[in-house]
Structure formats: structure tokens, C-alpha cells
Amino acid sequence: MKLKKAELKDFLDSKVKLYNNPKFIESDPIQIPHLFSKKEDIEIIGFLTATIAWGNRKSIITNANRMVDLLDHSPFEFVMQHQESDLEKLQSFVHRTFNGYDFIQFIKSLKHIYNTHNSLEALFAKHAEQDSLQNAIHQFKQYFFEIEHLKRTKKHVSDPLKNSAAKRINMFLRWMVRDDNNGVDFGIWKSLSSSQLSCPLDVHSGNVARKLGLLKRKQNDGKALAELDKSLRKLDINDPVKYDFALFGLGVFEGF
């Protein structure tokens, strides 16, 4: 499907309008951070939910709700106040290859980040580049694992500088940074801007992007993400990742 740039923009803008609305929340993992109103609760459970966001969406939502239960419905308080004995109940958690030991490591690493950098937002903002957060993601991973950690857990935080598309963490950043005025994305990280975000690239968005001529590269990796970012920034330099709603909606809901 080859459309001229203006036609393509109109087509995708209409799909953004269709999918970027509160109804989208009902079937999406973003519903989990929407259970909370405090900034730190939203970002912690948002980060944990995004971390396990692969596979069947129903099971992602079910398991993310289980995380909420295990954290006593107070993610920030649990992260900051937990005793070693409180972590034992997390051992039973499992989602695909993310297990209880990974969960415990994430809680310890998050506490370390809040204690040393004040907030998740501050850490990402510190290493942000004018038009990209990919280096900030790389730096975040370094800090996240600078405390004693299980080697196996490192695979659950992607590194764009190792050519990963870092889909889940880019999705988390979209949730936190992008203010869509429609009540889907949160826009609670004011020190970063939507223009710095990258599209969460997965099988669905990648396939649709290729059909629309926005992406040529076959693999969904870091190089493909850079190519897709470039294409989406030509359509909207200030808010390129709004098109994630269009690409995802076309792929998942319309079988495009």
C-alpha cells in the first residue's frame, strides 16, 4: 500500500483519533498504572507492567494485577519500605521467563534508583538527548544493575546500544512522557518531551509500518527503530509516537 506523504499522514492521523481514546485502555496493559493516582505509584507499576508486556495481552494484564496484589496495592511504599522478609512472597511470581527472583531484583534496583537519583524521571532526564532517549535507556540499565544482582535478570532490561528495539521500555516512556489530552498516556514526566520518544516497535507495528512504506528493514531491532523514528518524525516532529496507536490498532484490531 503506497500512499503519498499527505495521504499517509491523513490516513494515520484518522487511526490515531480512532484508537487514542479511553476505550483503548480496556484491553491494554496501560490499564494497570491507571489504577493509581500518585506519580511514584504510576511509574513503578507502569515500569513493572511494561517489563512483562510480551505474549498474550490477557495474561500480561492478569499477571500485572498479581504484581499489584503482591506489592500490597502500594508500589512506591513497598519499594521504599520493604524488609527482606517482605520479599519472600514475591518468589512465587512468574510471567514467561520473568520469575520471582527477577521481580525481587527489580524491587531492590528500583529502591536503589529512588535513593540515589531521587526519581526514575530524573535519571532518564539526566541522560536524554535532544531527539532521542535511547542513550538514556542504556544509562538507566547501567544504574539499575550497579547494585549486586542476579546475572539472569539483566536480560529483562533492553539495551538500545546493543541494537535492541527496546520495545517495552519505549512503551513505558510513552506512557510517562506523552500527554495525549485523551486520558490514555499519562504525561506526568514534565522534564522530557514527546518529541524525544521512540515508537515501541513490535511484530504488529513493524509489519504495518513495512506495508505502509515507513520501514524497510526486515528485523525489529535498534536499526529498524531508528529508521521508523525517522519516518514518523517526518509526519509529526513534535509527537511522532502518537502513530504507535495507529500502527498497533491497524495490526491488532484490523488485521491490516
C-alpha atoms as a PDB file:
ATOM      1  CA  MET A   1       0.000   0.000   0.000  1.00  0.00           C
ATOM      2  CA  LYS A   2       1.826   3.075  -1.251  1.00  0.00           C
ATOM      3  CA  LEU A   3       0.311   6.408  -0.288  1.00  0.00           C
ATOM      4  CA  LYS A   4       1.673   9.884  -0.894  1.00  0.00           C
ATOM      5  CA  LYS A   5       3.021  11.548   2.260  1.00  0.00           C
ATOM      6  CA  ALA A   6      -0.043  13.800   2.751  1.00  0.00           C
ATOM      7  CA  GLU A   7      -2.456  10.874   2.205  1.00  0.00           C
ATOM      8  CA  LEU A   8      -0.447   8.652   4.536  1.00  0.00           C
ATOM      9  CA  LYS A   9      -0.469  11.344   7.234  1.00  0.00           C
ATOM     10  CA  ASP A  10      -4.253  11.810   6.897  1.00  0.00           C
ATOM     11  CA  PHE A  11      -4.829   8.043   6.996  1.00  0.00           C
ATOM     12  CA  LEU A  12      -2.653   7.538  10.084  1.00  0.00           C
ATOM     13  CA  ASP A  13      -3.986  10.649  11.845  1.00  0.00           C
ATOM     14  CA  SER A  14      -7.529   9.260  11.443  1.00  0.00           C
ATOM     15  CA  LYS A  15      -6.399   5.949  13.013  1.00  0.00           C
ATOM     16  CA  VAL A  16      -4.734   7.804  15.918  1.00  0.00           C
ATOM     17  CA  LYS A  17      -8.092   9.523  16.579  1.00  0.00           C
ATOM     18  CA  LEU A  18      -9.832   6.152  16.454  1.00  0.00           C
ATOM     19  CA  TYR A  19      -7.534   4.358  18.902  1.00  0.00           C
ATOM     20  CA  ASN A  20      -6.005   7.057  21.141  1.00  0.00           C
ATOM     21  CA  ASN A  21      -9.021   7.308  23.449  1.00  0.00           C
ATOM     22  CA  PRO A  22     -10.071   5.893  26.842  1.00  0.00           C
ATOM     23  CA  LYS A  23     -11.715   2.821  25.237  1.00  0.00           C
ATOM     24  CA  PHE A  24      -8.190   1.663  24.279  1.00  0.00           C
ATOM     25  CA  ILE A  25      -7.382   1.239  27.989  1.00  0.00           C
ATOM     26  CA  GLU A  26      -9.949  -1.561  28.460  1.00  0.00           C
ATOM     27  CA  SER A  27      -7.903  -4.144  26.561  1.00  0.00           C
ATOM     28  CA  ASP A  28      -4.392  -2.760  27.092  1.00  0.00           C
ATOM     29  CA  PRO A  29      -1.814  -3.257  29.879  1.00  0.00           C
ATOM     30  CA  ILE A  30      -1.810   0.543  30.387  1.00  0.00           C
ATOM     31  CA  GLN A  31      -4.951  -0.068  32.486  1.00  0.00           C
ATOM     32  CA  ILE A  32      -2.720  -1.235  35.368  1.00  0.00           C
ATOM     33  CA  PRO A  33      -0.941   2.083  36.087  1.00  0.00           C
ATOM     34  CA  HIS A  34      -4.363   3.744  35.605  1.00  0.00           C
ATOM     35  CA  LEU A  35      -5.401   2.100  38.889  1.00  0.00           C
ATOM     36  CA  PHE A  36      -3.200   4.656  40.697  1.00  0.00           C
ATOM     37  CA  SER A  37      -3.106   8.427  41.120  1.00  0.00           C
ATOM     38  CA  LYS A  38       0.241   9.076  42.868  1.00  0.00           C
ATOM     39  CA  LYS A  39       3.102   9.756  40.456  1.00  0.00           C
ATOM     40  CA  GLU A  40       5.551   7.265  42.017  1.00  0.00           C
ATOM     41  CA  ASP A  41       2.933   4.507  42.134  1.00  0.00           C
ATOM     42  CA  ILE A  42       2.073   5.088  38.464  1.00  0.00           C
ATOM     43  CA  GLU A  43       5.687   4.988  37.305  1.00  0.00           C
ATOM     44  CA  ILE A  44       6.717   1.969  39.383  1.00  0.00           C
ATOM     45  CA  ILE A  45       3.776  -0.238  38.445  1.00  0.00           C
ATOM     46  CA  GLY A  46       3.961   1.152  34.900  1.00  0.00           C
ATOM     47  CA  PHE A  47       7.598   0.105  34.641  1.00  0.00           C
ATOM     48  CA  LEU A  48       6.893  -3.367  36.068  1.00  0.00           C
ATOM     49  CA  THR A  49       3.872  -3.854  33.803  1.00  0.00           C
ATOM     50  CA  ALA A  50       5.808  -2.779  30.712  1.00  0.00           C
ATOM     51  CA  THR A  51       8.621  -5.165  31.696  1.00  0.00           C
ATOM     52  CA  ILE A  52       6.303  -8.180  31.453  1.00  0.00           C
ATOM     53  CA  ALA A  53       4.418  -6.867  28.404  1.00  0.00           C
ATOM     54  CA  TRP A  54       5.124  -9.637  25.970  1.00  0.00           C
ATOM     55  CA  GLY A  55       2.948 -12.530  24.883  1.00  0.00           C
ATOM     56  CA  ASN A  56      -0.810 -12.757  25.343  1.00  0.00           C
ATOM     57  CA  ARG A  57      -2.319  -9.436  26.447  1.00  0.00           C
ATOM     58  CA  LYS A  58      -4.845 -11.080  28.764  1.00  0.00           C
ATOM     59  CA  SER A  59      -2.086 -12.920  30.644  1.00  0.00           C
ATOM     60  CA  ILE A  60       0.019  -9.722  30.807  1.00  0.00           C
ATOM     61  CA  ILE A  61      -2.909  -7.903  32.463  1.00  0.00           C
ATOM     62  CA  THR A  62      -3.664 -10.826  34.805  1.00  0.00           C
ATOM     63  CA  ASN A  63      -0.030 -11.089  35.922  1.00  0.00           C
ATOM     64  CA  ALA A  64       0.406  -7.320  36.265  1.00  0.00           C
ATOM     65  CA  ASN A  65      -2.660  -7.299  38.547  1.00  0.00           C
ATOM     66  CA  ARG A  66      -0.976 -10.046  40.541  1.00  0.00           C
ATOM     67  CA  MET A  67       2.080  -7.774  40.906  1.00  0.00           C
ATOM     68  CA  VAL A  68      -0.219  -5.049  42.285  1.00  0.00           C
ATOM     69  CA  ASP A  69      -1.570  -7.534  44.871  1.00  0.00           C
ATOM     70  CA  LEU A  70       1.907  -8.711  45.859  1.00  0.00           C
ATOM     71  CA  LEU A  71       3.001  -5.086  46.366  1.00  0.00           C
ATOM     72  CA  ASP A  72       0.035  -4.546  48.732  1.00  0.00           C
ATOM     73  CA  HIS A  73      -1.561  -2.067  46.276  1.00  0.00           C
ATOM     74  CA  SER A  74       1.108   0.492  47.260  1.00  0.00           C
ATOM     75  CA  PRO A  75       4.011   0.019  44.821  1.00  0.00           C
ATOM     76  CA  PHE A  76       6.111   3.019  45.937  1.00  0.00           C
ATOM     77  CA  GLU A  77       5.655   2.358  49.640  1.00  0.00           C
ATOM     78  CA  PHE A  78       6.535  -1.320  49.140  1.00  0.00           C
ATOM     79  CA  VAL A  79       9.680  -0.461  47.135  1.00  0.00           C
ATOM     80  CA  MET A  80      10.921   2.075  49.679  1.00  0.00           C
ATOM     81  CA  GLN A  81       9.851   0.469  52.980  1.00  0.00           C
ATOM     82  CA  HIS A  82      10.154  -3.283  52.355  1.00  0.00           C
ATOM     83  CA  GLN A  83      12.126  -5.549  54.667  1.00  0.00           C
ATOM     84  CA  GLU A  84      13.971  -8.599  53.362  1.00  0.00           C
ATOM     85  CA  SER A  85      11.179 -10.811  54.772  1.00  0.00           C
ATOM     86  CA  ASP A  86       8.550  -8.920  52.701  1.00  0.00           C
ATOM     87  CA  LEU A  87      10.265 -10.062  49.517  1.00  0.00           C
ATOM     88  CA  GLU A  88       9.716 -13.768  50.156  1.00  0.00           C
ATOM     89  CA  LYS A  89       6.132 -13.737  48.887  1.00  0.00           C
ATOM     90  CA  LEU A  90       7.328 -12.361  45.524  1.00  0.00           C
ATOM     91  CA  GLN A  91       9.217 -15.604  44.828  1.00  0.00           C
ATOM     92  CA  SER A  92       6.040 -17.309  43.607  1.00  0.00           C
ATOM     93  CA  PHE A  93       5.568 -14.805  40.756  1.00  0.00           C
ATOM     94  CA  VAL A  94       6.116 -15.915  37.164  1.00  0.00           C
ATOM     95  CA  HIS A  95       5.350 -14.460  33.735  1.00  0.00           C
ATOM     96  CA  ARG A  96       7.026 -16.234  30.837  1.00  0.00           C
ATOM     97  CA  THR A  97      10.764 -16.064  31.647  1.00  0.00           C
ATOM     98  CA  PHE A  98      10.363 -13.292  34.266  1.00  0.00           C
ATOM     99  CA  ASN A  99      10.246 -15.065  37.629  1.00  0.00           C
ATOM    100  CA  GLY A 100      10.070 -14.239  41.330  1.00  0.00           C
ATOM    101  CA  TYR A 101      13.826 -13.766  41.655  1.00  0.00           C
ATOM    102  CA  ASP A 102      13.741 -11.247  38.801  1.00  0.00           C
ATOM    103  CA  PHE A 103      10.816  -9.472  40.486  1.00  0.00           C
ATOM    104  CA  ILE A 104      12.741  -9.233  43.775  1.00  0.00           C
ATOM    105  CA  GLN A 105      15.792  -7.880  41.937  1.00  0.00           C
ATOM    106  CA  PHE A 106      13.645  -5.234  40.244  1.00  0.00           C
ATOM    107  CA  ILE A 107      12.258  -4.083  43.616  1.00  0.00           C
ATOM    108  CA  LYS A 108      15.791  -3.760  45.051  1.00  0.00           C
ATOM    109  CA  SER A 109      17.070  -1.948  41.956  1.00  0.00           C
ATOM    110  CA  LEU A 110      14.113   0.445  41.966  1.00  0.00           C
ATOM    111  CA  LYS A 111      14.759   1.305  45.613  1.00  0.00           C
ATOM    112  CA  HIS A 112      18.404   1.972  44.717  1.00  0.00           C
ATOM    113  CA  ILE A 113      17.348   4.298  41.857  1.00  0.00           C
ATOM    114  CA  TYR A 114      14.977   6.319  44.081  1.00  0.00           C
ATOM    115  CA  ASN A 115      17.558   6.544  46.854  1.00  0.00           C
ATOM    116  CA  THR A 116      20.433   7.646  44.612  1.00  0.00           C
ATOM    117  CA  HIS A 117      18.697   9.598  41.839  1.00  0.00           C
ATOM    118  CA  ASN A 118      15.570  10.837  43.599  1.00  0.00           C
ATOM    119  CA  SER A 119      13.262   9.517  40.888  1.00  0.00           C
ATOM    120  CA  LEU A 120      13.048   7.442  37.726  1.00  0.00           C
ATOM    121  CA  GLU A 121      12.255  10.577  35.758  1.00  0.00           C
ATOM    122  CA  ALA A 122      15.378  12.401  36.966  1.00  0.00           C
ATOM    123  CA  LEU A 123      17.601   9.535  35.852  1.00  0.00           C
ATOM    124  CA  PHE A 124      16.137   9.384  32.333  1.00  0.00           C
ATOM    125  CA  ALA A 125      16.148  13.179  32.002  1.00  0.00           C
ATOM    126  CA  LYS A 126      19.809  13.368  33.030  1.00  0.00           C
ATOM    127  CA  HIS A 127      20.936  11.307  30.029  1.00  0.00           C
ATOM    128  CA  ALA A 128      18.317  12.354  27.468  1.00  0.00           C
ATOM    129  CA  GLU A 129      19.455  13.676  24.099  1.00  0.00           C
ATOM    130  CA  GLN A 130      17.586  16.360  22.215  1.00  0.00           C
ATOM    131  CA  ASP A 131      15.831  13.965  19.839  1.00  0.00           C
ATOM    132  CA  SER A 132      16.284  10.556  21.482  1.00  0.00           C
ATOM    133  CA  LEU A 133      16.024   8.675  24.765  1.00  0.00           C
ATOM    134  CA  GLN A 134      17.918   5.604  23.553  1.00  0.00           C
ATOM    135  CA  ASN A 135      21.167   6.580  25.288  1.00  0.00           C
ATOM    136  CA  ALA A 136      19.137   7.375  28.425  1.00  0.00           C
ATOM    137  CA  ILE A 137      17.759   3.803  28.348  1.00  0.00           C
ATOM    138  CA  HIS A 138      21.306   2.441  28.050  1.00  0.00           C
ATOM    139  CA  GLN A 139      22.472   4.538  31.024  1.00  0.00           C
ATOM    140  CA  PHE A 140      19.396   3.557  33.034  1.00  0.00           C
ATOM    141  CA  LYS A 141      20.293  -0.116  32.619  1.00  0.00           C
ATOM    142  CA  GLN A 142      23.821   0.549  33.931  1.00  0.00           C
ATOM    143  CA  TYR A 143      22.476   2.230  37.084  1.00  0.00           C
ATOM    144  CA  PHE A 144      19.722  -0.347  37.519  1.00  0.00           C
ATOM    145  CA  PHE A 145      22.276  -3.155  37.778  1.00  0.00           C
ATOM    146  CA  GLU A 146      25.095  -1.356  39.592  1.00  0.00           C
ATOM    147  CA  ILE A 147      23.999  -2.985  42.862  1.00  0.00           C
ATOM    148  CA  GLU A 148      24.579  -6.676  43.469  1.00  0.00           C
ATOM    149  CA  HIS A 149      22.259  -8.529  41.095  1.00  0.00           C
ATOM    150  CA  LEU A 150      21.394 -11.836  39.500  1.00  0.00           C
ATOM    151  CA  LYS A 151      23.019 -12.187  36.100  1.00  0.00           C
ATOM    152  CA  ARG A 152      19.844 -13.748  34.665  1.00  0.00           C
ATOM    153  CA  THR A 153      17.773 -10.629  35.445  1.00  0.00           C
ATOM    154  CA  LYS A 154      19.799  -8.344  33.135  1.00  0.00           C
ATOM    155  CA  LYS A 155      18.047  -9.712  30.053  1.00  0.00           C
ATOM    156  CA  HIS A 156      14.782  -8.148  31.254  1.00  0.00           C
ATOM    157  CA  VAL A 157      16.037  -4.600  30.641  1.00  0.00           C
ATOM    158  CA  SER A 158      16.896  -3.984  26.994  1.00  0.00           C
ATOM    159  CA  ASP A 159      19.908  -2.003  25.800  1.00  0.00           C
ATOM    160  CA  PRO A 160      19.402   0.044  22.609  1.00  0.00           C
ATOM    161  CA  LEU A 161      23.175   0.460  22.255  1.00  0.00           C
ATOM    162  CA  LYS A 162      23.303  -3.318  21.730  1.00  0.00           C
ATOM    163  CA  ASN A 163      20.906  -2.897  18.781  1.00  0.00           C
ATOM    164  CA  SER A 164      17.740  -3.748  20.717  1.00  0.00           C
ATOM    165  CA  ALA A 165      14.477  -2.043  19.705  1.00  0.00           C
ATOM    166  CA  ALA A 166      13.748  -1.914  23.479  1.00  0.00           C
ATOM    167  CA  LYS A 167      10.013  -2.138  22.762  1.00  0.00           C
ATOM    168  CA  ARG A 168       8.806  -2.465  26.339  1.00  0.00           C
ATOM    169  CA  ILE A 169      10.852   0.351  27.832  1.00  0.00           C
ATOM    170  CA  ASN A 170       9.985   2.663  24.919  1.00  0.00           C
ATOM    171  CA  MET A 171       6.326   1.867  25.583  1.00  0.00           C
ATOM    172  CA  PHE A 172       6.798   2.693  29.284  1.00  0.00           C
ATOM    173  CA  LEU A 173       8.428   6.020  28.325  1.00  0.00           C
ATOM    174  CA  ARG A 174       5.495   6.808  26.009  1.00  0.00           C
ATOM    175  CA  TRP A 175       3.114   6.216  28.916  1.00  0.00           C
ATOM    176  CA  MET A 176       5.075   8.511  31.264  1.00  0.00           C
ATOM    177  CA  VAL A 177       6.118  11.346  28.926  1.00  0.00           C
ATOM    178  CA  ARG A 178       3.409  11.737  26.298  1.00  0.00           C
ATOM    179  CA  ASP A 179       0.480  13.926  27.313  1.00  0.00           C
ATOM    180  CA  ASP A 180      -2.246  12.983  24.854  1.00  0.00           C
ATOM    181  CA  ASN A 181      -5.111  15.052  26.378  1.00  0.00           C
ATOM    182  CA  ASN A 182      -7.252  11.926  25.959  1.00  0.00           C
ATOM    183  CA  GLY A 183      -6.541  10.213  29.255  1.00  0.00           C
ATOM    184  CA  VAL A 184      -4.570   7.267  27.840  1.00  0.00           C
ATOM    185  CA  ASP A 185      -0.892   8.218  28.161  1.00  0.00           C
ATOM    186  CA  PHE A 186      -0.119   9.933  31.472  1.00  0.00           C
ATOM    187  CA  GLY A 187       2.246  12.809  30.602  1.00  0.00           C
ATOM    188  CA  ILE A 188       3.490  13.000  34.203  1.00  0.00           C
ATOM    189  CA  TRP A 189       7.185  13.344  33.325  1.00  0.00           C
ATOM    190  CA  LYS A 190       7.375  17.042  32.532  1.00  0.00           C
ATOM    191  CA  SER A 191      11.174  17.227  32.164  1.00  0.00           C
ATOM    192  CA  LEU A 192      11.035  15.200  28.928  1.00  0.00           C
ATOM    193  CA  SER A 193       9.088  15.847  25.755  1.00  0.00           C
ATOM    194  CA  SER A 194       7.100  13.721  23.296  1.00  0.00           C
ATOM    195  CA  SER A 195       9.490  14.718  20.506  1.00  0.00           C
ATOM    196  CA  GLN A 196      12.242  12.648  22.206  1.00  0.00           C
ATOM    197  CA  LEU A 197      10.237   9.417  22.284  1.00  0.00           C
ATOM    198  CA  SER A 198      10.642   6.352  20.078  1.00  0.00           C
ATOM    199  CA  CYS A 199       7.876   4.078  18.838  1.00  0.00           C
ATOM    200  CA  PRO A 200       7.508   0.782  20.734  1.00  0.00           C
ATOM    201  CA  LEU A 201       8.427  -1.476  17.805  1.00  0.00           C
ATOM    202  CA  ASP A 202       6.971  -4.984  17.851  1.00  0.00           C
ATOM    203  CA  VAL A 203       5.701  -7.578  15.386  1.00  0.00           C
ATOM    204  CA  HIS A 204       2.397  -5.776  14.797  1.00  0.00           C
ATOM    205  CA  SER A 205       3.652  -2.204  14.446  1.00  0.00           C
ATOM    206  CA  GLY A 206       6.657  -3.413  12.418  1.00  0.00           C
ATOM    207  CA  ASN A 207       4.540  -5.334   9.903  1.00  0.00           C
ATOM    208  CA  VAL A 208       2.090  -2.453   9.423  1.00  0.00           C
ATOM    209  CA  ALA A 209       4.955   0.063   9.100  1.00  0.00           C
ATOM    210  CA  ARG A 210       6.507  -2.077   6.341  1.00  0.00           C
ATOM    211  CA  LYS A 211       3.205  -2.356   4.443  1.00  0.00           C
ATOM    212  CA  LEU A 212       2.833   1.425   4.585  1.00  0.00           C
ATOM    213  CA  GLY A 213       6.409   2.033   3.388  1.00  0.00           C
ATOM    214  CA  LEU A 214       7.548   3.573   6.689  1.00  0.00           C
ATOM    215  CA  LEU A 215      10.098   0.834   7.314  1.00  0.00           C
ATOM    216  CA  LYS A 216      12.243  -1.287   5.000  1.00  0.00           C
ATOM    217  CA  ARG A 217      14.469  -3.185   7.417  1.00  0.00           C
ATOM    218  CA  LYS A 218      13.294  -6.781   7.972  1.00  0.00           C
ATOM    219  CA  GLN A 219      14.338  -7.303  11.630  1.00  0.00           C
ATOM    220  CA  ASN A 220      12.645  -5.469  14.503  1.00  0.00           C
ATOM    221  CA  ASP A 221      15.911  -4.242  16.036  1.00  0.00           C
ATOM    222  CA  GLY A 222      17.580  -0.977  17.020  1.00  0.00           C
ATOM    223  CA  LYS A 223      18.413  -0.084  13.399  1.00  0.00           C
ATOM    224  CA  ALA A 224      14.802  -0.642  12.371  1.00  0.00           C
ATOM    225  CA  LEU A 225      13.663   1.570  15.252  1.00  0.00           C
ATOM    226  CA  ALA A 226      15.946   4.400  14.100  1.00  0.00           C
ATOM    227  CA  GLU A 227      14.530   4.070  10.567  1.00  0.00           C
ATOM    228  CA  LEU A 228      10.922   4.062  11.802  1.00  0.00           C
ATOM    229  CA  ASP A 229      11.583   7.025  14.112  1.00  0.00           C
ATOM    230  CA  LYS A 230      12.900   8.998  11.136  1.00  0.00           C
ATOM    231  CA  SER A 231       9.773   8.216   9.098  1.00  0.00           C
ATOM    232  CA  LEU A 232       7.368   9.091  11.925  1.00  0.00           C
ATOM    233  CA  ARG A 233       9.185  12.333  12.739  1.00  0.00           C
ATOM    234  CA  LYS A 234       8.566  13.440   9.139  1.00  0.00           C
ATOM    235  CA  LEU A 235       4.830  13.023   9.786  1.00  0.00           C
ATOM    236  CA  ASP A 236       4.853  14.792  13.186  1.00  0.00           C
ATOM    237  CA  ILE A 237       8.118  16.080  14.655  1.00  0.00           C
ATOM    238  CA  ASN A 238       6.536  17.054  17.991  1.00  0.00           C
ATOM    239  CA  ASP A 239       4.597  13.865  18.691  1.00  0.00           C
ATOM    240  CA  PRO A 240       5.915  11.040  16.488  1.00  0.00           C
ATOM    241  CA  VAL A 241       4.886   8.200  18.804  1.00  0.00           C
ATOM    242  CA  LYS A 242       1.189   9.033  18.593  1.00  0.00           C
ATOM    243  CA  TYR A 243       1.384   6.849  15.486  1.00  0.00           C
ATOM    244  CA  ASP A 244       2.035   3.850  17.720  1.00  0.00           C
ATOM    245  CA  PHE A 245      -1.741   3.843  18.309  1.00  0.00           C
ATOM    246  CA  ALA A 246      -2.370   3.772  14.549  1.00  0.00           C
ATOM    247  CA  LEU A 247       0.215   1.078  13.747  1.00  0.00           C
ATOM    248  CA  PHE A 248      -0.800  -1.090  16.692  1.00  0.00           C
ATOM    249  CA  GLY A 249      -4.543  -0.639  16.079  1.00  0.00           C
ATOM    250  CA  LEU A 250      -4.222  -1.463  12.388  1.00  0.00           C
ATOM    251  CA  GLY A 251      -2.191  -4.573  13.198  1.00  0.00           C
ATOM    252  CA  VAL A 252      -4.052  -5.960  16.227  1.00  0.00           C
ATOM    253  CA  PHE A 253      -7.649  -4.805  15.753  1.00  0.00           C
ATOM    254  CA  GLU A 254      -7.897  -4.577  11.951  1.00  0.00           C
ATOM    255  CA  GLY A 255      -5.505  -7.344  10.870  1.00  0.00           C
ATOM    256  CA  PHE A 256      -4.072  -4.875   8.358  1.00  0.00           C
END
